[in-house]
């Protein structure tokens, strides 16, 4: 007799098909009564348990079954787990889990699908994966978890790999929307919403090769994304990271070799991207829009490569305290800087060949070590700029009143405006400041008293600051003062007139 190892391919396929048919035929659908755990205990692997509308206690699943809810609610007390899974190939869908120490809790489980559930009010995490690989967590809502004590998670992974976390909402949680800690790798975190947590997505300690893509991470009280303690080789792609309380993306303590590409990073209060502490270098930051933060990009590590980004409407567009490269080799080029107005009359790697090439002829200087050799040309994007100004009269006798007017365009609102004079003849001469008062939409007016000024030519310099701290200072014109007949400036000054 031939052993089964030597069956023909046709006979082997027939046997497998017969086995699958028998397995499918043996699967049952069980309608749970008031005791959901009893129905789960009755089921065998492959069965489907249906839970009708109603309130059930916490359950534990230790076999490969499908658990489907239709208006079913799980309520557990603060020391219980709402739904504990300790088996592979489990499906849980259609439940609302209210309360419990953990909501839906997988331990050592593989190939499970957790979808279309709502988990809220748990002491620690809403959905947790502990040493659980190759699972799908999709279309769940995990809000308002971990609000007591230290504050915890909407969705939490620990020592878990190759999981898909997709199309979930993890907002209003005590600390983290989605958290990976520690040693989580090759997970895909895609198209989720994490808002109004302390951190939208948080990775801590040796989390590598994860994909974070097309998520909305907004209005979190600290960071949109934070990676700390050796989180490396992750990809942060095409996310909306906006209006977070401190920083959009924060890499810290050895979190290097990450790719940050194609993200919209806007209106984060202090930093768009912040990289600091320890050897957190060798990250690639490319093709992002970074705008409306106090600092656009802040780095104090080495080896980061930053190019083809649009950096605009930031009070300090870039601060580099390490040794980093702010451009790619020609002809890829550098970054667009909204505050940089350059000319483009030359091209080539050395910007010395006649003819424009889309890059400014002169570098954009960041500091004495850092510069963008190939700043990308484009229309300046200035959140605060002087539109028009006038000095009337521009030539007057000493003692006359001179009116100074300015019109400002400000995205963030003007916080303060002033003007001052500077003598073009006597550098040591004390010159007065001019108080500027608002005179209409964007218009400011002030009066210069010239009685104690000497004859000569003066520049009028306007200074303005917006509510975010962006400043502009420009010379708006010149004033010529001529002596009055029979009047001496020195004599008047000595008498205090």
Protein backbone atom coordinates (compact mmCIF):
# COMPACT_ATOMS: atom_id res chain seq x y z
CA UNK A 1 0.00 0.00 0.00
CA UNK A 2 1.23 3.50 -0.85
CA UNK A 3 1.55 5.94 1.98
CA UNK A 4 -0.44 9.21 1.86
CA UNK A 5 2.82 11.05 1.25
CA UNK A 6 2.93 9.41 -2.20
CA UNK A 7 -0.66 10.13 -3.29
CA UNK A 8 -1.05 11.70 -6.70
CA UNK A 9 -1.69 15.51 -6.73
CA UNK A 10 -5.24 14.87 -7.94
CA UNK A 11 -6.06 12.48 -5.08
CA UNK A 12 -4.41 14.83 -2.54
CA UNK A 13 -6.52 17.81 -3.68
CA UNK A 14 -9.67 15.67 -3.58
CA UNK A 15 -8.95 14.64 -0.01
CA UNK A 16 -8.38 18.24 1.09
CA UNK A 17 -11.61 19.37 -0.58
CA UNK A 18 -13.55 16.59 1.10
CA UNK A 19 -12.10 17.57 4.46
CA UNK A 20 -13.12 21.22 3.98
CA UNK A 21 -16.65 20.24 2.95
CA UNK A 22 -17.03 18.06 6.02
CA UNK A 23 -15.68 20.84 8.26
CA UNK A 24 -18.04 23.44 6.75
CA UNK A 25 -20.97 21.10 7.06
CA UNK A 26 -20.22 20.46 10.72
CA UNK A 27 -20.15 24.19 11.66
CA UNK A 28 -23.26 25.30 13.53
CA UNK A 29 -24.97 28.59 14.31
CA UNK A 30 -25.98 28.96 17.94
CA UNK A 31 -28.43 31.61 19.15
CA UNK A 32 -27.32 32.68 22.59
CA UNK A 33 -29.79 33.06 25.40
CA UNK A 34 -29.35 35.33 28.39
CA UNK A 35 -26.10 33.55 29.30
CA UNK A 36 -23.67 34.36 26.47
CA UNK A 37 -20.78 32.51 28.11
CA UNK A 38 -22.84 29.33 28.19
CA UNK A 39 -23.45 29.57 24.43
CA UNK A 40 -19.72 30.11 23.84
CA UNK A 41 -18.92 27.08 25.99
CA UNK A 42 -21.38 24.99 23.98
CA UNK A 43 -19.84 25.95 20.62
CA UNK A 44 -17.11 23.96 18.92
CA UNK A 45 -14.38 25.39 16.67
CA UNK A 46 -15.87 26.84 13.51
CA UNK A 47 -19.29 27.56 15.05
CA UNK A 48 -20.97 30.98 14.99
CA UNK A 49 -22.61 32.32 18.15
CA UNK A 50 -25.24 35.03 17.68
CA UNK A 51 -26.02 37.47 20.50
CA UNK A 52 -29.39 39.22 20.29
CA UNK A 53 -30.04 42.74 21.66
CA UNK A 54 -29.49 42.78 25.40
CA UNK A 55 -26.90 43.23 28.13
CA UNK A 56 -24.44 40.42 28.86
CA UNK A 57 -21.63 39.93 31.34
CA UNK A 58 -17.96 39.56 30.44
CA UNK A 59 -16.96 36.53 28.36
CA UNK A 60 -13.85 34.46 27.64
CA UNK A 61 -13.19 32.78 24.29
CA UNK A 62 -10.71 29.90 24.14
CA UNK A 63 -11.68 28.29 20.82
CA UNK A 64 -11.86 29.37 17.16
CA UNK A 65 -15.42 30.65 16.83
CA UNK A 66 -17.31 33.56 15.34
CA UNK A 67 -19.10 35.76 17.87
CA UNK A 68 -21.59 38.13 16.25
CA UNK A 69 -23.65 40.72 18.10
CA UNK A 70 -26.83 42.46 17.01
CA UNK A 71 -27.44 45.29 19.47
CA UNK A 72 -25.61 43.25 22.12
CA UNK A 73 -23.85 44.99 25.01
CA UNK A 74 -21.11 43.62 27.24
CA UNK A 75 -20.88 45.19 30.69
CA UNK A 76 -18.11 44.30 33.10
CA UNK A 77 -16.96 45.79 36.37
CA UNK A 78 -13.65 47.57 36.87
CA UNK A 79 -11.71 44.37 37.69
CA UNK A 80 -13.11 42.19 34.90
CA UNK A 81 -12.29 41.87 31.23
CA UNK A 82 -15.15 42.59 28.85
CA UNK A 83 -14.15 40.06 26.16
CA UNK A 84 -11.01 37.99 26.61
CA UNK A 85 -9.64 36.04 23.64
CA UNK A 86 -7.08 33.27 24.10
CA UNK A 87 -7.43 31.42 20.79
CA UNK A 88 -6.60 31.77 17.11
CA UNK A 89 -9.06 32.44 14.27
CA UNK A 90 -11.68 34.19 16.39
CA UNK A 91 -14.08 36.76 14.96
CA UNK A 92 -15.83 39.33 17.17
CA UNK A 93 -18.16 41.79 15.49
CA UNK A 94 -21.12 43.99 16.32
CA UNK A 95 -20.74 44.43 20.09
CA UNK A 96 -20.71 47.42 22.42
CA UNK A 97 -18.36 46.86 25.34
CA UNK A 98 -18.97 49.19 28.27
CA UNK A 99 -16.61 49.31 31.22
CA UNK A 100 -14.29 46.57 32.37
CA UNK A 101 -10.60 46.66 33.21
CA UNK A 102 -9.88 45.87 29.54
CA UNK A 103 -12.46 45.95 26.77
CA UNK A 104 -11.55 43.39 24.07
CA UNK A 105 -8.34 41.69 25.15
CA UNK A 106 -6.32 39.28 22.96
CA UNK A 107 -3.51 37.24 24.52
CA UNK A 108 -1.32 34.98 22.38
CA UNK A 109 -3.90 34.99 19.60
CA UNK A 110 -3.41 34.85 15.83
CA UNK A 111 -5.53 35.45 12.74
CA UNK A 112 -8.41 36.99 14.65
CA UNK A 113 -10.75 39.66 13.28
CA UNK A 114 -12.13 42.31 15.61
CA UNK A 115 -14.47 44.57 13.64
CA UNK A 116 -17.43 46.92 13.95
CA UNK A 117 -17.39 47.10 17.73
CA UNK A 118 -17.65 50.05 20.12
CA UNK A 119 -15.53 49.95 23.25
CA UNK A 120 -15.81 52.69 25.85
CA UNK A 121 -15.26 53.44 29.51
CA UNK A 122 -12.59 50.78 30.19
CA UNK A 123 -10.14 51.32 33.02
CA UNK A 124 -7.08 50.73 30.83
CA UNK A 125 -7.37 49.89 27.14
CA UNK A 126 -10.32 49.51 24.85
CA UNK A 127 -8.73 46.95 22.50
CA UNK A 128 -5.48 45.23 23.51
CA UNK A 129 -3.21 42.81 21.65
CA UNK A 130 -0.67 41.11 23.90
CA UNK A 131 1.84 38.84 22.10
CA UNK A 132 -0.72 38.50 19.33
CA UNK A 133 0.23 38.43 15.65
CA UNK A 134 -1.45 38.59 12.23
CA UNK A 135 -4.80 39.94 13.46
CA UNK A 136 -7.21 42.42 11.85
CA UNK A 137 -8.60 45.28 13.96
CA UNK A 138 -11.01 47.15 11.70
CA UNK A 139 -13.87 49.66 11.88
CA UNK A 140 -14.02 49.82 15.65
CA UNK A 141 -14.64 52.82 17.90
CA UNK A 142 -12.43 52.88 21.00
CA UNK A 143 -13.22 56.17 22.74
CA UNK A 144 -13.17 57.43 26.35
CA UNK A 145 -11.01 54.64 27.76
CA UNK A 146 -8.39 55.01 30.50
CA UNK A 147 -9.78 58.25 31.85
CA UNK A 148 -9.00 57.45 35.48
CA UNK A 149 -5.64 57.09 37.19
CA UNK A 150 -2.60 57.31 34.93
CA UNK A 151 -4.63 57.35 31.73
CA UNK A 152 -4.37 54.63 29.14
CA UNK A 153 -5.22 53.56 25.61
CA UNK A 154 -7.84 53.32 22.96
CA UNK A 155 -5.97 50.55 21.06
CA UNK A 156 -2.85 48.95 22.55
CA UNK A 157 -0.27 46.52 21.11
CA UNK A 158 2.51 44.90 23.14
CA UNK A 159 5.00 42.44 21.66
CA UNK A 160 2.70 42.01 18.69
CA UNK A 161 3.58 41.81 15.00
CA UNK A 162 2.06 41.98 11.51
CA UNK A 163 -1.34 43.19 12.67
CA UNK A 164 -3.62 45.40 10.58
CA UNK A 165 -5.10 48.33 12.53
CA UNK A 166 -7.39 50.03 10.02
CA UNK A 167 -10.39 52.40 9.87
CA UNK A 168 -10.75 52.67 13.63
CA UNK A 169 -11.59 55.71 15.74
CA UNK A 170 -9.51 56.04 18.91
CA UNK A 171 -10.30 59.43 20.44
CA UNK A 172 -10.85 61.09 23.82
CA UNK A 173 -8.82 58.43 25.64
CA UNK A 174 -6.91 59.15 28.82
CA UNK A 175 -3.43 59.10 27.31
CA UNK A 176 -2.95 57.37 23.95
CA UNK A 177 -5.16 56.85 20.94
CA UNK A 178 -3.11 53.98 19.47
CA UNK A 179 -0.02 52.77 21.35
CA UNK A 180 2.70 50.20 20.60
CA UNK A 181 4.90 49.18 23.54
CA UNK A 182 7.34 47.47 23.49
CA UNK A 183 8.88 45.55 20.55
CA UNK A 184 6.07 45.69 18.03
CA UNK A 185 7.04 45.28 14.37
CA UNK A 186 5.59 45.10 10.86
CA UNK A 187 2.18 46.35 11.91
CA UNK A 188 0.08 48.40 9.48
CA UNK A 189 -1.73 51.34 11.09
CA UNK A 190 -3.81 52.85 8.35
CA UNK A 191 -6.74 55.24 7.91
CA UNK A 192 -7.56 55.59 11.60
CA UNK A 193 -8.72 58.69 13.44
CA UNK A 194 -7.05 59.56 16.76
CA UNK A 195 -8.16 62.91 18.16
CA UNK A 196 -8.14 64.60 21.57
CA UNK A 197 -5.96 62.08 23.33
CA UNK A 198 -2.65 63.17 24.87
CA UNK A 199 -0.91 61.35 21.98
CA UNK A 200 -2.50 60.24 18.74
CA UNK A 201 -0.08 57.38 17.92
CA UNK A 202 2.66 56.48 20.43
CA UNK A 203 5.52 53.99 19.97
CA UNK A 204 7.83 53.16 22.87
CA UNK A 205 10.97 51.01 22.91
CA UNK A 206 12.20 49.03 19.91
CA UNK A 207 9.16 49.28 17.66
CA UNK A 208 10.43 48.84 14.09
CA UNK A 209 9.28 48.39 10.51
CA UNK A 210 5.75 49.59 11.15
CA UNK A 211 3.69 51.47 8.55
CA UNK A 212 1.68 54.51 9.70
CA UNK A 213 -0.32 55.71 6.73
CA UNK A 214 -3.26 58.00 5.95
CA UNK A 215 -4.36 58.49 9.54
CA UNK A 216 -5.93 61.65 10.93
CA UNK A 217 -4.11 62.67 14.10
CA UNK A 218 -5.60 65.95 15.25
CA UNK A 219 -6.11 68.08 18.34
CA UNK A 220 -4.20 65.75 20.63
CA UNK A 221 -3.01 67.59 23.69
CA UNK A 222 0.66 66.68 23.25
CA UNK A 223 1.73 64.99 20.00
CA UNK A 224 0.20 63.64 16.85
CA UNK A 225 2.90 60.93 16.64
CA UNK A 226 5.62 60.22 19.18
CA UNK A 227 8.36 57.58 18.88
CA UNK A 228 10.81 57.12 21.75
CA UNK A 229 13.61 54.72 22.75
CA UNK A 230 14.94 53.08 19.63
CA UNK A 231 11.89 53.05 17.37
CA UNK A 232 13.47 52.73 13.94
CA UNK A 233 12.81 51.94 10.28
CA UNK A 234 9.18 52.95 10.53
CA UNK A 235 7.32 54.65 7.68
CA UNK A 236 5.11 57.66 8.42
CA UNK A 237 3.29 58.35 5.16
CA UNK A 238 0.47 60.61 3.98
CA UNK A 239 -1.06 61.38 7.37
CA UNK A 240 -3.01 64.49 8.40
CA UNK A 241 -1.24 65.66 11.55
CA UNK A 242 -2.86 68.92 12.55
CA UNK A 243 -3.68 71.16 15.50
CA UNK A 244 -1.84 69.14 18.13
CA UNK A 245 -0.98 70.91 21.36
CA UNK A 246 2.82 70.61 21.23
CA UNK A 247 4.25 68.79 18.22
CA UNK A 248 3.12 67.05 15.06
CA UNK A 249 5.80 64.31 14.86
CA UNK A 250 8.31 63.78 17.70
CA UNK A 251 11.24 61.33 17.39
CA UNK A 252 13.31 60.90 20.53
CA UNK A 253 16.13 58.83 22.08
CA UNK A 254 17.55 56.71 19.34
CA UNK A 255 14.53 56.69 17.03
CA UNK A 256 16.37 56.81 13.72
CA UNK A 257 16.24 55.54 10.15
CA UNK A 258 12.55 56.41 9.86
CA UNK A 259 10.90 57.71 6.68
CA UNK A 260 8.55 60.69 7.05
CA UNK A 261 6.99 61.38 3.66
CA UNK A 262 3.98 63.10 2.17
CA UNK A 263 2.32 64.23 5.40
CA UNK A 264 0.23 67.34 6.02
CA UNK A 265 1.71 68.74 9.24
CA UNK A 266 -0.11 71.97 10.07
CA UNK A 267 -1.08 74.20 13.00
CA UNK A 268 0.79 72.20 15.63
CA UNK A 269 1.50 74.64 18.41
CA UNK A 270 5.26 74.43 19.03
CA UNK A 271 6.86 72.10 16.47
CA UNK A 272 5.90 70.59 13.17
CA UNK A 273 8.64 67.93 13.41
CA UNK A 274 10.95 67.57 16.42
CA UNK A 275 13.93 65.17 16.52
CA UNK A 276 16.13 65.18 19.59
CA UNK A 277 18.03 63.37 22.35
CA UNK A 278 20.47 60.60 21.67
CA UNK A 279 21.43 59.20 18.26
CA UNK A 280 17.96 59.74 16.80
CA UNK A 281 19.43 60.54 13.41
CA UNK A 282 19.47 59.26 9.86
CA UNK A 283 15.78 59.93 9.35
CA UNK A 284 14.53 60.94 5.91
CA UNK A 285 12.02 63.81 5.83
CA UNK A 286 10.71 64.36 2.32
CA UNK A 287 7.69 65.81 0.48
CA UNK A 288 5.82 67.03 3.55
CA UNK A 289 3.80 70.23 3.95
CA UNK A 290 4.89 71.78 7.26
CA UNK A 291 3.13 74.97 8.25
CA UNK A 292 1.76 77.24 10.97
CA UNK A 293 3.90 76.07 13.91
CA UNK A 294 6.24 78.08 16.12
CA UNK A 295 9.08 75.97 14.71
CA UNK A 296 8.68 74.06 11.48
CA UNK A 297 11.50 71.49 11.89
CA UNK A 298 13.73 71.24 14.96
CA UNK A 299 16.65 68.78 15.01
CA UNK A 300 19.54 68.37 17.44
CA UNK A 301 20.77 65.02 16.13
CA UNK A 302 22.95 64.17 13.13
CA UNK A 303 22.56 62.52 9.77
CA UNK A 304 18.98 63.47 8.98
CA UNK A 305 18.16 64.13 5.32
CA UNK A 306 15.52 66.82 4.77
CA UNK A 307 14.44 67.78 1.25
CA UNK A 308 11.51 68.47 -1.10
CA UNK A 309 9.35 69.73 1.77
CA UNK A 310 7.18 72.85 1.78
CA UNK A 311 7.96 74.77 4.98
CA UNK A 312 5.95 77.95 5.42
CA UNK A 313 4.04 80.12 7.87
CA UNK A 314 6.31 79.11 10.75
CA UNK A 315 7.86 81.69 13.08
CA UNK A 316 11.17 79.77 12.94
CA UNK A 317 11.04 77.56 9.83
CA UNK A 318 14.05 75.43 10.79
CA UNK A 319 16.43 75.05 13.71
CA UNK A 320 19.37 72.67 13.31
CA UNK A 321 21.65 71.93 16.28
CA UNK A 322 23.26 68.90 14.67
CA UNK A 323 24.89 68.08 11.35
CA UNK A 324 22.17 67.40 8.79
CA UNK A 325 21.57 67.76 5.05
CA UNK A 326 18.77 70.04 3.88
CA UNK A 327 18.83 69.22 0.17
CA UNK A 328 19.21 66.34 -2.25
CA UNK A 329 21.82 66.21 -4.98
CA UNK A 330 21.04 68.21 -8.09
CA UNK A 331 18.63 68.09 -9.83
CA UNK A 332 16.32 66.82 -7.04
CA UNK A 333 16.96 69.91 -4.98
CA UNK A 334 16.03 71.25 -1.60
CA UNK A 335 12.94 72.62 0.13
CA UNK A 336 10.45 75.40 -0.49
CA UNK A 337 10.77 78.07 2.19
CA UNK A 338 7.77 80.35 2.49
CA UNK A 339 9.85 83.16 4.00
CA UNK A 340 12.63 83.09 1.38
CA UNK A 341 12.45 85.40 -1.60
CA UNK A 342 15.19 84.52 -4.05
CA UNK A 343 16.10 84.96 -7.71
CA UNK A 344 16.49 82.25 -10.33
CA UNK A 345 18.75 83.45 -13.12
CA UNK A 346 21.22 80.56 -13.03
CA UNK A 347 21.10 76.78 -12.92
CA UNK A 348 23.25 73.69 -12.70
CA UNK A 349 24.85 71.91 -9.73
CA UNK A 350 26.88 75.01 -8.95
CA UNK A 351 24.08 77.47 -9.81
CA UNK A 352 26.49 79.17 -12.19
CA UNK A 353 25.07 78.29 -15.62
CA UNK A 354 22.96 81.00 -17.24
CA UNK A 355 19.24 80.13 -17.25
CA UNK A 356 16.67 79.35 -14.57
CA UNK A 357 16.14 75.84 -13.19
CA UNK A 358 13.49 76.31 -10.49
CA UNK A 359 16.02 76.69 -7.66
CA UNK A 360 17.12 79.97 -6.10
CA UNK A 361 20.60 81.08 -7.07
CA UNK A 362 21.71 81.57 -3.46
CA UNK A 363 21.37 79.08 -0.57
CA UNK A 364 18.81 79.45 2.16
CA UNK A 365 20.94 79.84 5.30
CA UNK A 366 19.73 77.99 8.40
CA UNK A 367 22.82 78.60 10.55
CA UNK A 368 26.59 78.69 10.17
CA UNK A 369 26.70 74.93 9.48
CA UNK A 370 23.35 74.21 7.88
CA UNK A 371 22.03 75.51 4.58
CA UNK A 372 19.73 74.50 1.76
CA UNK A 373 21.88 74.69 -1.36
CA UNK A 374 18.93 74.40 -3.75
CA UNK A 375 15.92 76.24 -2.25
CA UNK A 376 12.85 75.69 -4.39
CA UNK A 377 11.41 78.80 -6.01
CA UNK A 378 7.80 79.77 -5.42
CA UNK A 379 5.60 82.59 -4.27
CA UNK A 380 6.47 83.66 -0.75
CA UNK A 381 3.96 82.61 1.91
CA UNK A 382 4.26 85.23 4.63
CA UNK A 383 1.78 85.17 7.54
CA UNK A 384 2.60 88.79 8.36
CA UNK A 385 3.60 91.31 5.74
CA UNK A 386 3.61 95.02 5.11
CA UNK A 387 1.24 95.88 2.27
CA UNK A 388 1.55 99.67 2.12
CA UNK A 389 3.02 102.58 4.08
CA UNK A 390 3.31 106.35 3.90
CA UNK A 391 5.05 109.26 5.64
CA UNK A 392 3.29 112.62 5.43
CA UNK A 393 4.91 115.02 4.99
CA UNK A 394 8.19 113.44 3.94
CA UNK A 395 9.93 116.86 4.27
CA UNK A 396 9.05 119.09 7.20
CA UNK A 397 10.37 121.81 9.48
CA UNK A 398 11.44 120.84 12.98
CA UNK A 399 8.43 121.10 15.30
CA UNK A 400 5.95 119.81 12.75
CA UNK A 401 3.85 116.70 13.31
CA UNK A 402 4.50 113.89 10.85
CA UNK A 403 1.87 111.22 10.23
CA UNK A 404 3.05 107.63 9.67
CA UNK A 405 0.57 105.14 8.23
CA UNK A 406 0.93 101.41 7.51
CA UNK A 407 -1.28 98.63 6.21
CA UNK A 408 -0.49 95.07 7.34
CA UNK A 409 -1.80 91.74 6.14
CA UNK A 410 -1.80 89.14 8.93
CA UNK A 411 -3.09 85.58 8.95
CA UNK A 412 -2.95 85.30 12.75
CA UNK A 413 -3.91 88.79 13.83
CA UNK A 414 -1.56 91.64 14.71
CA UNK A 415 -0.43 91.71 18.34
CA UNK A 416 1.64 94.89 18.32
CA UNK A 417 2.88 97.58 15.93
CA UNK A 418 5.37 100.39 16.44
CA UNK A 419 7.72 102.55 14.44
CA UNK A 420 10.98 104.28 15.20
CA UNK A 421 13.32 106.72 13.54
CA UNK A 422 17.02 106.28 12.79
CA UNK A 423 19.26 109.19 11.94
CA UNK A 424 21.27 108.78 8.76
CA UNK A 425 23.75 111.48 9.88
CA UNK A 426 24.25 111.00 13.63
CA UNK A 427 24.31 107.35 14.67
CA UNK A 428 24.50 108.19 18.37
CA UNK A 429 21.46 110.47 18.33
CA UNK A 430 18.53 109.33 20.43
CA UNK A 431 15.50 109.09 18.24
CA UNK A 432 11.86 108.72 19.25
CA UNK A 433 9.51 105.78 18.87
CA UNK A 434 6.16 106.29 17.26
CA UNK A 435 3.05 104.79 18.80
CA UNK A 436 0.90 103.15 16.13
CA UNK A 437 -2.84 102.82 16.74
CA UNK A 438 -5.29 100.76 14.75
CA UNK A 439 -7.23 102.84 12.28
CA UNK A 440 -9.25 100.21 10.43
CA UNK A 441 -8.96 96.77 8.90
CA UNK A 442 -5.21 96.16 8.79
CA UNK A 443 -4.45 99.90 8.93
CA UNK A 444 -2.36 101.59 11.62
CA UNK A 445 -1.49 105.25 12.12
CA UNK A 446 0.90 107.14 14.37
CA UNK A 447 2.17 110.69 14.90
CA UNK A 448 5.85 111.64 15.13
CA UNK A 449 6.60 114.74 17.23
CA UNK A 450 9.71 116.37 15.79
CA UNK A 451 10.22 119.30 18.20
CA UNK A 452 13.30 117.80 19.88
CA UNK A 453 14.80 116.21 16.78
CA UNK A 454 17.79 117.60 14.94
CA UNK A 455 17.86 118.55 11.30
CA UNK A 456 18.79 115.90 8.79
CA UNK A 457 17.52 112.74 7.15
CA UNK A 458 15.88 109.88 9.05
CA UNK A 459 14.71 106.40 8.15
CA UNK A 460 11.32 105.36 9.50
CA UNK A 461 11.40 101.68 10.52
CA UNK A 462 8.17 99.78 11.18
CA UNK A 463 8.07 96.74 13.51
CA UNK A 464 5.10 94.39 13.85
CA UNK A 465 4.42 91.09 15.58
CA UNK A 466 1.49 88.71 15.18
CA UNK A 467 -0.28 86.62 17.80
CA UNK A 468 1.93 83.59 17.05
CA UNK A 469 5.18 85.52 17.42
CA UNK A 470 6.01 86.03 13.76
CA UNK A 471 7.78 89.39 13.35
CA UNK A 472 8.43 91.74 10.49
CA UNK A 473 10.66 94.80 10.46
CA UNK A 474 10.96 97.02 7.40
CA UNK A 475 12.14 100.50 6.51
CA UNK A 476 9.08 102.22 5.10
CA UNK A 477 10.68 105.46 3.89
CA UNK A 478 12.73 108.55 4.74
CA UNK A 479 11.92 111.82 6.47
CA UNK A 480 13.90 115.03 5.94
CA UNK A 481 13.78 117.62 8.73
CA UNK A 482 14.88 121.20 8.09
CA UNK A 483 15.62 123.83 10.76
CA UNK A 484 13.09 126.47 11.72
CA UNK A 485 14.26 130.07 11.21
CA UNK A 486 15.86 131.49 14.37
CA UNK A 487 15.79 128.13 16.19
CA UNK A 488 18.77 126.10 17.44
CA UNK A 489 18.43 122.38 18.05
CA UNK A 490 21.33 122.29 20.55
CA UNK A 491 19.99 125.25 22.51
CA UNK A 492 16.48 123.78 22.65
CA UNK A 493 17.84 120.44 23.78
CA UNK A 494 19.89 122.05 26.59
CA UNK A 495 16.76 123.84 27.89
CA UNK A 496 14.63 120.70 27.66
CA UNK A 497 12.28 122.30 25.19
